[in-house]
Amino acid sequence: MLAYIREMFVYDDWANQRSLRSLTEMEHPPERARKVMAHIVAAQLLWLSRLKRETQLAPVWPEFGLADCARQINTLRRAWEDYLGELTNAGLDAAIEYTNSKRETYRDG
């Protein structure tokens, strides 16, 4: 299962890079598309911080420009590689506790 998860994150990085490239190649990318791209990046940052039990740094709907998204995607790639490189099969079964943006506490697992 762990190998499959690692493989899916390689695909996710490819998809993020491709989506971002399609926006940066446009002369006037749609504002809504930029906002959704920023949200995707921020959501991935959010879930990584939850898994690592760190404080959430970015809002769920940040005002990232496309250059910001590119930097964050590169940061995400390295951070996910580090996290997944250290993750064990036993770690997959660990419960995740977090507080969402509405200050509601959840426990998954």
PDB file of N, CA and C in Angstrom:
ATOM      1  N   MET A   1       0.811  -1.197   0.000  1.00  0.00           N
ATOM      2  CA  MET A   1       0.000   0.000   0.000  1.00  0.00           C
ATOM      3  C   MET A   1       0.862   1.273   0.000  1.00  0.00           C
ATOM      4  N   LEU A   2       1.926   1.240   0.756  1.00  0.00           N
ATOM      5  CA  LEU A   2       2.792   2.413   0.856  1.00  0.00           C
ATOM      6  C   LEU A   2       3.425   2.739  -0.497  1.00  0.00           C
ATOM      7  N   ALA A   3       3.841   1.727  -1.220  1.00  0.00           N
ATOM      8  CA  ALA A   3       4.421   1.959  -2.551  1.00  0.00           C
ATOM      9  C   ALA A   3       3.391   2.600  -3.475  1.00  0.00           C
ATOM     10  N   TYR A   4       2.153   2.165  -3.381  1.00  0.00           N
ATOM     11  CA  TYR A   4       1.079   2.724  -4.203  1.00  0.00           C
ATOM     12  C   TYR A   4       0.850   4.203  -3.852  1.00  0.00           C
ATOM     13  N   ILE A   5       0.837   4.519  -2.580  1.00  0.00           N
ATOM     14  CA  ILE A   5       0.639   5.912  -2.148  1.00  0.00           C
ATOM     15  C   ILE A   5       1.776   6.791  -2.670  1.00  0.00           C
ATOM     16  N   ARG A   6       2.987   6.305  -2.585  1.00  0.00           N
ATOM     17  CA  ARG A   6       4.133   7.067  -3.108  1.00  0.00           C
ATOM     18  C   ARG A   6       3.989   7.286  -4.610  1.00  0.00           C
ATOM     19  N   GLU A   7       3.548   6.257  -5.306  1.00  0.00           N
ATOM     20  CA  GLU A   7       3.343   6.369  -6.754  1.00  0.00           C
ATOM     21  C   GLU A   7       2.267   7.408  -7.083  1.00  0.00           C
ATOM     22  N   MET A   8       1.210   7.451  -6.292  1.00  0.00           N
ATOM     23  CA  MET A   8       0.129   8.413  -6.524  1.00  0.00           C
ATOM     24  C   MET A   8       0.597   9.845  -6.283  1.00  0.00           C
ATOM     25  N   PHE A   9       1.517  10.047  -5.345  1.00  0.00           N
ATOM     26  CA  PHE A   9       2.029  11.396  -5.125  1.00  0.00           C
ATOM     27  C   PHE A   9       2.958  11.843  -6.243  1.00  0.00           C
ATOM     28  N   VAL A  10       3.633  10.919  -6.895  1.00  0.00           N
ATOM     29  CA  VAL A  10       4.415  11.264  -8.082  1.00  0.00           C
ATOM     30  C   VAL A  10       3.448  11.735  -9.177  1.00  0.00           C
ATOM     31  N   TYR A  11       2.354  11.003  -9.334  1.00  0.00           N
ATOM     32  CA  TYR A  11       1.344  11.402 -10.320  1.00  0.00           C
ATOM     33  C   TYR A  11       0.736  12.757  -9.951  1.00  0.00           C
ATOM     34  N   ASP A  12       0.443  12.950  -8.676  1.00  0.00           N
ATOM     35  CA  ASP A  12      -0.145  14.216  -8.223  1.00  0.00           C
ATOM     36  C   ASP A  12       0.777  15.389  -8.535  1.00  0.00           C
ATOM     37  N   ASP A  13       2.070  15.209  -8.305  1.00  0.00           N
ATOM     38  CA  ASP A  13       3.023  16.272  -8.628  1.00  0.00           C
ATOM     39  C   ASP A  13       3.015  16.554 -10.126  1.00  0.00           C
ATOM     40  N   TRP A  14       3.009  15.495 -10.940  1.00  0.00           N
ATOM     41  CA  TRP A  14       2.951  15.671 -12.391  1.00  0.00           C
ATOM     42  C   TRP A  14       1.692  16.465 -12.778  1.00  0.00           C
ATOM     43  N   ALA A  15       0.545  16.096 -12.211  1.00  0.00           N
ATOM     44  CA  ALA A  15      -0.717  16.765 -12.540  1.00  0.00           C
ATOM     45  C   ALA A  15      -0.686  18.230 -12.106  1.00  0.00           C
ATOM     46  N   ASN A  16      -0.135  18.505 -10.927  1.00  0.00           N
ATOM     47  CA  ASN A  16      -0.015  19.894 -10.474  1.00  0.00           C
ATOM     48  C   ASN A  16       0.859  20.697 -11.426  1.00  0.00           C
ATOM     49  N   GLN A  17       2.004  20.128 -11.800  1.00  0.00           N
ATOM     50  CA  GLN A  17       2.919  20.817 -12.714  1.00  0.00           C
ATOM     51  C   GLN A  17       2.251  21.066 -14.066  1.00  0.00           C
ATOM     52  N   ARG A  18       1.556  20.079 -14.572  1.00  0.00           N
ATOM     53  CA  ARG A  18       0.901  20.206 -15.883  1.00  0.00           C
ATOM     54  C   ARG A  18      -0.219  21.242 -15.835  1.00  0.00           C
ATOM     55  N   SER A  19      -1.011  21.215 -14.786  1.00  0.00           N
ATOM     56  CA  SER A  19      -2.104  22.190 -14.644  1.00  0.00           C
ATOM     57  C   SER A  19      -1.551  23.606 -14.557  1.00  0.00           C
ATOM     58  N   LEU A  20      -0.514  23.768 -13.760  1.00  0.00           N
ATOM     59  CA  LEU A  20       0.102  25.089 -13.626  1.00  0.00           C
ATOM     60  C   LEU A  20       0.681  25.553 -14.957  1.00  0.00           C
ATOM     61  N   ARG A  21       1.348  24.652 -15.674  1.00  0.00           N
ATOM     62  CA  ARG A  21       1.916  25.016 -16.967  1.00  0.00           C
ATOM     63  C   ARG A  21       0.830  25.466 -17.937  1.00  0.00           C
ATOM     64  N   SER A  22      -0.307  24.785 -17.925  1.00  0.00           N
ATOM     65  CA  SER A  22      -1.382  25.184 -18.842  1.00  0.00           C
ATOM     66  C   SER A  22      -1.864  26.598 -18.536  1.00  0.00           C
ATOM     67  N   LEU A  23      -1.865  26.987 -17.264  1.00  0.00           N
ATOM     68  CA  LEU A  23      -2.277  28.348 -16.892  1.00  0.00           C
ATOM     69  C   LEU A  23      -1.207  29.373 -17.249  1.00  0.00           C
ATOM     70  N   THR A  24       0.053  29.031 -17.000  1.00  0.00           N
ATOM     71  CA  THR A  24       1.115  30.005 -17.268  1.00  0.00           C
ATOM     72  C   THR A  24       1.340  30.209 -18.762  1.00  0.00           C
ATOM     73  N   GLU A  25       0.938  29.251 -19.577  1.00  0.00           N
ATOM     74  CA  GLU A  25       1.081  29.399 -21.024  1.00  0.00           C
ATOM     75  C   GLU A  25      -0.010  30.270 -21.641  1.00  0.00           C
ATOM     76  N   MET A  26      -1.059  30.550 -20.885  1.00  0.00           N
ATOM     77  CA  MET A  26      -2.137  31.411 -21.389  1.00  0.00           C
ATOM     78  C   MET A  26      -1.736  32.870 -21.257  1.00  0.00           C
ATOM     79  N   GLU A  27      -2.151  33.668 -22.232  1.00  0.00           N
ATOM     80  CA  GLU A  27      -1.890  35.102 -22.151  1.00  0.00           C
ATOM     81  C   GLU A  27      -2.685  35.726 -20.998  1.00  0.00           C
ATOM     82  N   HIS A  28      -3.935  35.316 -20.856  1.00  0.00           N
ATOM     83  CA  HIS A  28      -4.799  35.821 -19.781  1.00  0.00           C
ATOM     84  C   HIS A  28      -5.528  34.639 -19.132  1.00  0.00           C
ATOM     85  N   PRO A  29      -4.861  33.963 -18.183  1.00  0.00           N
ATOM     86  CA  PRO A  29      -5.530  32.823 -17.558  1.00  0.00           C
ATOM     87  C   PRO A  29      -6.758  33.283 -16.766  1.00  0.00           C
ATOM     88  N   PRO A  30      -7.811  32.477 -16.774  1.00  0.00           N
ATOM     89  CA  PRO A  30      -9.012  32.852 -16.028  1.00  0.00           C
ATOM     90  C   PRO A  30      -8.708  33.003 -14.531  1.00  0.00           C
ATOM     91  N   GLU A  31      -9.231  34.031 -13.937  1.00  0.00           N
ATOM     92  CA  GLU A  31      -9.002  34.291 -12.519  1.00  0.00           C
ATOM     93  C   GLU A  31      -9.501  33.124 -11.665  1.00  0.00           C
ATOM     94  N   ARG A  32     -10.625  32.575 -12.018  1.00  0.00           N
ATOM     95  CA  ARG A  32     -11.173  31.442 -11.256  1.00  0.00           C
ATOM     96  C   ARG A  32     -10.213  30.243 -11.305  1.00  0.00           C
ATOM     97  N   ALA A  33      -9.593  30.000 -12.435  1.00  0.00           N
ATOM     98  CA  ALA A  33      -8.638  28.895 -12.564  1.00  0.00           C
ATOM     99  C   ALA A  33      -7.421  29.139 -11.666  1.00  0.00           C
ATOM    100  N   ARG A  34      -6.957  30.385 -11.601  1.00  0.00           N
ATOM    101  CA  ARG A  34      -5.825  30.706 -10.715  1.00  0.00           C
ATOM    102  C   ARG A  34      -6.204  30.455  -9.266  1.00  0.00           C
ATOM    103  N   LYS A  35      -7.413  30.867  -8.894  1.00  0.00           N
ATOM    104  CA  LYS A  35      -7.867  30.673  -7.514  1.00  0.00           C
ATOM    105  C   LYS A  35      -7.985  29.192  -7.167  1.00  0.00           C
ATOM    106  N   VAL A  36      -8.490  28.403  -8.095  1.00  0.00           N
ATOM    107  CA  VAL A  36      -8.621  26.966  -7.853  1.00  0.00           C
ATOM    108  C   VAL A  36      -7.236  26.326  -7.744  1.00  0.00           C
ATOM    109  N   MET A  37      -6.313  26.729  -8.587  1.00  0.00           N
ATOM    110  CA  MET A  37      -4.943  26.199  -8.509  1.00  0.00           C
ATOM    111  C   MET A  37      -4.338  26.530  -7.150  1.00  0.00           C
ATOM    112  N   ALA A  38      -4.511  27.753  -6.698  1.00  0.00           N
ATOM    113  CA  ALA A  38      -3.994  28.159  -5.386  1.00  0.00           C
ATOM    114  C   ALA A  38      -4.648  27.339  -4.280  1.00  0.00           C
ATOM    115  N   HIS A  39      -5.938  27.076  -4.404  1.00  0.00           N
ATOM    116  CA  HIS A  39      -6.655  26.283  -3.407  1.00  0.00           C
ATOM    117  C   HIS A  39      -6.131  24.843  -3.368  1.00  0.00           C
ATOM    118  N   ILE A  40      -5.889  24.262  -4.520  1.00  0.00           N
ATOM    119  CA  ILE A  40      -5.359  22.893  -4.579  1.00  0.00           C
ATOM    120  C   ILE A  40      -4.014  22.819  -3.865  1.00  0.00           C
ATOM    121  N   VAL A  41      -3.156  23.770  -4.158  1.00  0.00           N
ATOM    122  CA  VAL A  41      -1.833  23.808  -3.520  1.00  0.00           C
ATOM    123  C   VAL A  41      -1.993  23.988  -2.009  1.00  0.00           C
ATOM    124  N   ALA A  42      -2.840  24.915  -1.600  1.00  0.00           N
ATOM    125  CA  ALA A  42      -3.025  25.182  -0.172  1.00  0.00           C
ATOM    126  C   ALA A  42      -3.626  23.970   0.545  1.00  0.00           C
ATOM    127  N   ALA A  43      -4.558  23.281  -0.097  1.00  0.00           N
ATOM    128  CA  ALA A  43      -5.165  22.095   0.519  1.00  0.00           C
ATOM    129  C   ALA A  43      -4.124  21.001   0.722  1.00  0.00           C
ATOM    130  N   GLN A  44      -3.216  20.860  -0.235  1.00  0.00           N
ATOM    131  CA  GLN A  44      -2.165  19.860  -0.086  1.00  0.00           C
ATOM    132  C   GLN A  44      -1.182  20.256   1.014  1.00  0.00           C
ATOM    133  N   LEU A  45      -0.876  21.538   1.115  1.00  0.00           N
ATOM    134  CA  LEU A  45      -0.050  22.015   2.221  1.00  0.00           C
ATOM    135  C   LEU A  45      -0.746  21.768   3.554  1.00  0.00           C
ATOM    136  N   LEU A  46      -2.037  22.022   3.589  1.00  0.00           N
ATOM    137  CA  LEU A  46      -2.827  21.831   4.799  1.00  0.00           C
ATOM    138  C   LEU A  46      -2.795  20.376   5.255  1.00  0.00           C
ATOM    139  N   TRP A  47      -3.058  19.445   4.339  1.00  0.00           N
ATOM    140  CA  TRP A  47      -3.089  18.033   4.728  1.00  0.00           C
ATOM    141  C   TRP A  47      -1.713  17.530   5.129  1.00  0.00           C
ATOM    142  N   LEU A  48      -0.687  18.008   4.486  1.00  0.00           N
ATOM    143  CA  LEU A  48       0.658  17.614   4.897  1.00  0.00           C
ATOM    144  C   LEU A  48       0.936  18.109   6.308  1.00  0.00           C
ATOM    145  N   SER A  49       0.554  19.346   6.607  1.00  0.00           N
ATOM    146  CA  SER A  49       0.777  19.868   7.962  1.00  0.00           C
ATOM    147  C   SER A  49      -0.033  19.083   8.992  1.00  0.00           C
ATOM    148  N   ARG A  50      -1.239  18.652   8.636  1.00  0.00           N
ATOM    149  CA  ARG A  50      -2.035  17.829   9.552  1.00  0.00           C
ATOM    150  C   ARG A  50      -1.366  16.488   9.808  1.00  0.00           C
ATOM    151  N   LEU A  51      -0.888  15.859   8.758  1.00  0.00           N
ATOM    152  CA  LEU A  51      -0.227  14.564   8.905  1.00  0.00           C
ATOM    153  C   LEU A  51       1.041  14.671   9.744  1.00  0.00           C
ATOM    154  N   LYS A  52       1.742  15.787   9.604  1.00  0.00           N
ATOM    155  CA  LYS A  52       2.982  15.992  10.349  1.00  0.00           C
ATOM    156  C   LYS A  52       2.728  16.606  11.722  1.00  0.00           C
ATOM    157  N   ARG A  53       1.461  16.858  12.014  1.00  0.00           N
ATOM    158  CA  ARG A  53       1.051  17.463  13.284  1.00  0.00           C
ATOM    159  C   ARG A  53       1.713  18.829  13.494  1.00  0.00           C
ATOM    160  N   GLU A  54       1.729  19.615  12.416  1.00  0.00           N
ATOM    161  CA  GLU A  54       2.285  20.961  12.444  1.00  0.00           C
ATOM    162  C   GLU A  54       1.153  21.979  12.335  1.00  0.00           C
ATOM    163  N   THR A  55       1.451  23.207  12.650  1.00  0.00           N
ATOM    164  CA  THR A  55       0.482  24.282  12.538  1.00  0.00           C
ATOM    165  C   THR A  55       0.227  24.600  11.073  1.00  0.00           C
ATOM    166  N   GLN A  56      -1.037  24.813  10.754  1.00  0.00           N
ATOM    167  CA  GLN A  56      -1.416  25.198   9.390  1.00  0.00           C
ATOM    168  C   GLN A  56      -0.924  26.609   9.126  1.00  0.00           C
ATOM    169  N   LEU A  57      -0.120  26.768   8.058  1.00  0.00           N
ATOM    170  CA  LEU A  57       0.446  28.086   7.770  1.00  0.00           C
ATOM    171  C   LEU A  57      -0.346  28.858   6.722  1.00  0.00           C
ATOM    172  N   ALA A  58      -0.877  28.174   5.729  1.00  0.00           N
ATOM    173  CA  ALA A  58      -1.582  28.858   4.637  1.00  0.00           C
ATOM    174  C   ALA A  58      -3.086  28.742   4.816  1.00  0.00           C
ATOM    175  N   PRO A  59      -3.826  29.769   4.435  1.00  0.00           N
ATOM    176  CA  PRO A  59      -5.285  29.653   4.452  1.00  0.00           C
ATOM    177  C   PRO A  59      -5.737  28.685   3.357  1.00  0.00           C
ATOM    178  N   VAL A  60      -6.942  28.190   3.467  1.00  0.00           N
ATOM    179  CA  VAL A  60      -7.470  27.224   2.505  1.00  0.00           C
ATOM    180  C   VAL A  60      -7.655  27.857   1.128  1.00  0.00           C
ATOM    181  N   TRP A  61      -7.998  29.124   1.081  1.00  0.00           N
ATOM    182  CA  TRP A  61      -8.157  29.859  -0.187  1.00  0.00           C
ATOM    183  C   TRP A  61      -7.177  31.033  -0.184  1.00  0.00           C
ATOM    184  N   PRO A  62      -5.877  30.765  -0.411  1.00  0.00           N
ATOM    185  CA  PRO A  62      -4.880  31.842  -0.363  1.00  0.00           C
ATOM    186  C   PRO A  62      -4.923  32.702  -1.617  1.00  0.00           C
ATOM    187  N   GLU A  63      -4.291  33.831  -1.547  1.00  0.00           N
ATOM    188  CA  GLU A  63      -4.173  34.723  -2.704  1.00  0.00           C
ATOM    189  C   GLU A  63      -2.826  34.493  -3.385  1.00  0.00           C
ATOM    190  N   PHE A  64      -2.526  33.247  -3.715  1.00  0.00           N
ATOM    191  CA  PHE A  64      -1.295  32.922  -4.434  1.00  0.00           C
ATOM    192  C   PHE A  64      -1.441  33.315  -5.893  1.00  0.00           C
ATOM    193  N   GLY A  65      -0.413  33.945  -6.427  1.00  0.00           N
ATOM    194  CA  GLY A  65      -0.330  34.118  -7.870  1.00  0.00           C
ATOM    195  C   GLY A  65       0.241  32.834  -8.466  1.00  0.00           C
ATOM    196  N   LEU A  66       0.347  32.786  -9.786  1.00  0.00           N
ATOM    197  CA  LEU A  66       0.863  31.576 -10.424  1.00  0.00           C
ATOM    198  C   LEU A  66       2.323  31.317 -10.051  1.00  0.00           C
ATOM    199  N   ALA A  67       3.114  32.361  -9.901  1.00  0.00           N
ATOM    200  CA  ALA A  67       4.508  32.180  -9.480  1.00  0.00           C
ATOM    201  C   ALA A  67       4.567  31.623  -8.060  1.00  0.00           C
ATOM    202  N   ASP A  68       3.663  32.090  -7.195  1.00  0.00           N
ATOM    203  CA  ASP A  68       3.581  31.551  -5.834  1.00  0.00           C
ATOM    204  C   ASP A  68       3.216  30.068  -5.872  1.00  0.00           C
ATOM    205  N   CYS A  69       2.262  29.726  -6.717  1.00  0.00           N
ATOM    206  CA  CYS A  69       1.852  28.326  -6.857  1.00  0.00           C
ATOM    207  C   CYS A  69       3.031  27.471  -7.298  1.00  0.00           C
ATOM    208  N   ALA A  70       3.805  27.960  -8.239  1.00  0.00           N
ATOM    209  CA  ALA A  70       4.966  27.205  -8.726  1.00  0.00           C
ATOM    210  C   ALA A  70       5.956  26.954  -7.591  1.00  0.00           C
ATOM    211  N   ARG A  71       6.240  27.967  -6.803  1.00  0.00           N
ATOM    212  CA  ARG A  71       7.162  27.801  -5.672  1.00  0.00           C
ATOM    213  C   ARG A  71       6.603  26.810  -4.660  1.00  0.00           C
ATOM    214  N   GLN A  72       5.318  26.941  -4.363  1.00  0.00           N
ATOM    215  CA  GLN A  72       4.703  26.052  -3.384  1.00  0.00           C
ATOM    216  C   GLN A  72       4.653  24.604  -3.879  1.00  0.00           C
ATOM    217  N   ILE A  73       4.412  24.408  -5.169  1.00  0.00           N
ATOM    218  CA  ILE A  73       4.393  23.056  -5.729  1.00  0.00           C
ATOM    219  C   ILE A  73       5.771  22.409  -5.582  1.00  0.00           C
ATOM    220  N   ASN A  74       6.820  23.174  -5.823  1.00  0.00           N
ATOM    221  CA  ASN A  74       8.175  22.639  -5.641  1.00  0.00           C
ATOM    222  C   ASN A  74       8.449  22.314  -4.180  1.00  0.00           C
ATOM    223  N   THR A  75       7.995  23.176  -3.282  1.00  0.00           N
ATOM    224  CA  THR A  75       8.129  22.918  -1.849  1.00  0.00           C
ATOM    225  C   THR A  75       7.350  21.671  -1.465  1.00  0.00           C
ATOM    226  N   LEU A  76       6.130  21.557  -1.981  1.00  0.00           N
ATOM    227  CA  LEU A  76       5.300  20.385  -1.695  1.00  0.00           C
ATOM    228  C   LEU A  76       5.966  19.095  -2.144  1.00  0.00           C
ATOM    229  N   ARG A  77       6.525  19.099  -3.343  1.00  0.00           N
ATOM    230  CA  ARG A  77       7.158  17.891  -3.861  1.00  0.00           C
ATOM    231  C   ARG A  77       8.227  17.402  -2.894  1.00  0.00           C
ATOM    232  N   ARG A  78       9.098  18.299  -2.494  1.00  0.00           N
ATOM    233  CA  ARG A  78      10.178  17.912  -1.580  1.00  0.00           C
ATOM    234  C   ARG A  78       9.622  17.478  -0.220  1.00  0.00           C
ATOM    235  N   ALA A  79       8.640  18.205   0.276  1.00  0.00           N
ATOM    236  CA  ALA A  79       8.073  17.889   1.594  1.00  0.00           C
ATOM    237  C   ALA A  79       7.359  16.538   1.584  1.00  0.00           C
ATOM    238  N   TRP A  80       6.578  16.267   0.535  1.00  0.00           N
ATOM    239  CA  TRP A  80       5.897  14.966   0.438  1.00  0.00           C
ATOM    240  C   TRP A  80       6.909  13.846   0.269  1.00  0.00           C
ATOM    241  N   GLU A  81       7.950  14.067  -0.543  1.00  0.00           N
ATOM    242  CA  GLU A  81       8.996  13.045  -0.706  1.00  0.00           C
ATOM    243  C   GLU A  81       9.632  12.715   0.641  1.00  0.00           C
ATOM    244  N   ASP A  82       9.946  13.744   1.417  1.00  0.00           N
ATOM    245  CA  ASP A  82      10.532  13.530   2.744  1.00  0.00           C
ATOM    246  C   ASP A  82       9.564  12.771   3.651  1.00  0.00           C
ATOM    247  N   TYR A  83       8.331  13.238   3.692  1.00  0.00           N
ATOM    248  CA  TYR A  83       7.332  12.615   4.569  1.00  0.00           C
ATOM    249  C   TYR A  83       7.088  11.160   4.177  1.00  0.00           C
ATOM    250  N   LEU A  84       6.835  10.930   2.891  1.00  0.00           N
ATOM    251  CA  LEU A  84       6.535   9.572   2.446  1.00  0.00           C
ATOM    252  C   LEU A  84       7.766   8.671   2.493  1.00  0.00           C
ATOM    253  N   GLY A  85       8.957   9.258   2.378  1.00  0.00           N
ATOM    254  CA  GLY A  85      10.178   8.470   2.489  1.00  0.00           C
ATOM    255  C   GLY A  85      10.387   7.918   3.883  1.00  0.00           C
ATOM    256  N   GLU A  86       9.868   8.611   4.879  1.00  0.00           N
ATOM    257  CA  GLU A  86      10.006   8.179   6.270  1.00  0.00           C
ATOM    258  C   GLU A  86       8.795   7.394   6.766  1.00  0.00           C
ATOM    259  N   LEU A  87       7.699   7.441   6.042  1.00  0.00           N
ATOM    260  CA  LEU A  87       6.472   6.784   6.475  1.00  0.00           C
ATOM    261  C   LEU A  87       6.606   5.273   6.393  1.00  0.00           C
ATOM    262  N   THR A  88       6.088   4.606   7.393  1.00  0.00           N
ATOM    263  CA  THR A  88       6.085   3.145   7.420  1.00  0.00           C
ATOM    264  C   THR A  88       4.660   2.634   7.244  1.00  0.00           C
ATOM    265  N   ASN A  89       4.537   1.343   6.980  1.00  0.00           N
ATOM    266  CA  ASN A  89       3.203   0.753   6.884  1.00  0.00           C
ATOM    267  C   ASN A  89       2.433   0.927   8.192  1.00  0.00           C
ATOM    268  N   ALA A  90       3.131   0.825   9.315  1.00  0.00           N
ATOM    269  CA  ALA A  90       2.473   1.034  10.611  1.00  0.00           C
ATOM    270  C   ALA A  90       1.973   2.467  10.729  1.00  0.00           C
ATOM    271  N   GLY A  91       2.724   3.400  10.164  1.00  0.00           N
ATOM    272  CA  GLY A  91       2.319   4.807  10.208  1.00  0.00           C
ATOM    273  C   GLY A  91       1.043   5.077   9.432  1.00  0.00           C
ATOM    274  N   LEU A  92       0.748   4.234   8.451  1.00  0.00           N
ATOM    275  CA  LEU A  92      -0.492   4.401   7.686  1.00  0.00           C
ATOM    276  C   LEU A  92      -1.730   4.186   8.552  1.00  0.00           C
ATOM    277  N   ASP A  93      -1.575   3.397   9.606  1.00  0.00           N
ATOM    278  CA  ASP A  93      -2.711   3.092  10.478  1.00  0.00           C
ATOM    279  C   ASP A  93      -2.889   4.090  11.620  1.00  0.00           C
ATOM    280  N   ALA A  94      -1.958   5.012  11.767  1.00  0.00           N
ATOM    281  CA  ALA A  94      -2.029   5.981  12.871  1.00  0.00           C
ATOM    282  C   ALA A  94      -3.197   6.943  12.673  1.00  0.00           C
ATOM    283  N   ALA A  95      -3.880   7.246  13.750  1.00  0.00           N
ATOM    284  CA  ALA A  95      -4.988   8.212  13.710  1.00  0.00           C
ATOM    285  C   ALA A  95      -4.435   9.617  13.496  1.00  0.00           C
ATOM    286  N   ILE A  96      -5.221  10.433  12.840  1.00  0.00           N
ATOM    287  CA  ILE A  96      -4.857  11.821  12.590  1.00  0.00           C
ATOM    288  C   ILE A  96      -5.873  12.697  13.306  1.00  0.00           C
ATOM    289  N   GLU A  97      -5.389  13.544  14.175  1.00  0.00           N
ATOM    290  CA  GLU A  97      -6.257  14.502  14.859  1.00  0.00           C
ATOM    291  C   GLU A  97      -5.913  15.890  14.345  1.00  0.00           C
ATOM    292  N   TYR A  98      -6.942  16.676  14.049  1.00  0.00           N
ATOM    293  CA  TYR A  98      -6.691  18.025  13.536  1.00  0.00           C
ATOM    294  C   TYR A  98      -7.883  18.920  13.836  1.00  0.00           C
ATOM    295  N   THR A  99      -7.638  20.206  13.735  1.00  0.00           N
ATOM    296  CA  THR A  99      -8.685  21.213  13.887  1.00  0.00           C
ATOM    297  C   THR A  99      -8.804  21.919  12.546  1.00  0.00           C
ATOM    298  N   ASN A 100     -10.026  21.994  12.020  1.00  0.00           N
ATOM    299  CA  ASN A 100     -10.215  22.614  10.709  1.00  0.00           C
ATOM    300  C   ASN A 100     -10.271  24.136  10.826  1.00  0.00           C
ATOM    301  N   SER A 101     -10.501  24.796   9.701  1.00  0.00           N
ATOM    302  CA  SER A 101     -10.505  26.263   9.684  1.00  0.00           C
ATOM    303  C   SER A 101     -11.666  26.870  10.466  1.00  0.00           C
ATOM    304  N   LYS A 102     -12.671  26.047  10.783  1.00  0.00           N
ATOM    305  CA  LYS A 102     -13.807  26.514  11.604  1.00  0.00           C
ATOM    306  C   LYS A 102     -13.584  26.209  13.080  1.00  0.00           C
ATOM    307  N   ARG A 103     -12.383  25.752  13.407  1.00  0.00           N
ATOM    308  CA  ARG A 103     -11.993  25.410  14.780  1.00  0.00           C
ATOM    309  C   ARG A 103     -12.733  24.177  15.303  1.00  0.00           C
ATOM    310  N   GLU A 104     -13.168  23.309  14.392  1.00  0.00           N
ATOM    311  CA  GLU A 104     -13.800  22.040  14.763  1.00  0.00           C
ATOM    312  C   GLU A 104     -12.711  20.975  14.791  1.00  0.00           C
ATOM    313  N   THR A 105     -12.719  20.153  15.830  1.00  0.00           N
ATOM    314  CA  THR A 105     -11.700  19.125  15.981  1.00  0.00           C
ATOM    315  C   THR A 105     -12.210  17.797  15.425  1.00  0.00           C
ATOM    316  N   TYR A 106     -11.331  17.112  14.713  1.00  0.00           N
ATOM    317  CA  TYR A 106     -11.648  15.819  14.109  1.00  0.00           C
ATOM    318  C   TYR A 106     -10.557  14.809  14.412  1.00  0.00           C
ATOM    319  N   ARG A 107     -10.950  13.552  14.345  1.00  0.00           N
ATOM    320  CA  ARG A 107     -10.003  12.447  14.481  1.00  0.00           C
ATOM    321  C   ARG A 107     -10.350  11.444  13.388  1.00  0.00           C
ATOM    322  N   ASP A 108      -9.400  11.222  12.492  1.00  0.00           N
ATOM    323  CA  ASP A 108      -9.564  10.243  11.423  1.00  0.00           C
ATOM    324  C   ASP A 108      -8.700   9.038  11.735  1.00  0.00           C
ATOM    325  N   GLY A 109      -9.230   7.866  11.506  1.00  0.00           N
ATOM    326  CA  GLY A 109      -8.438   6.654  11.699  1.00  0.00           C
ATOM    327  C   GLY A 109      -8.865   5.859  12.875  1.00  0.00           C
TER     328      GLY A 109
END
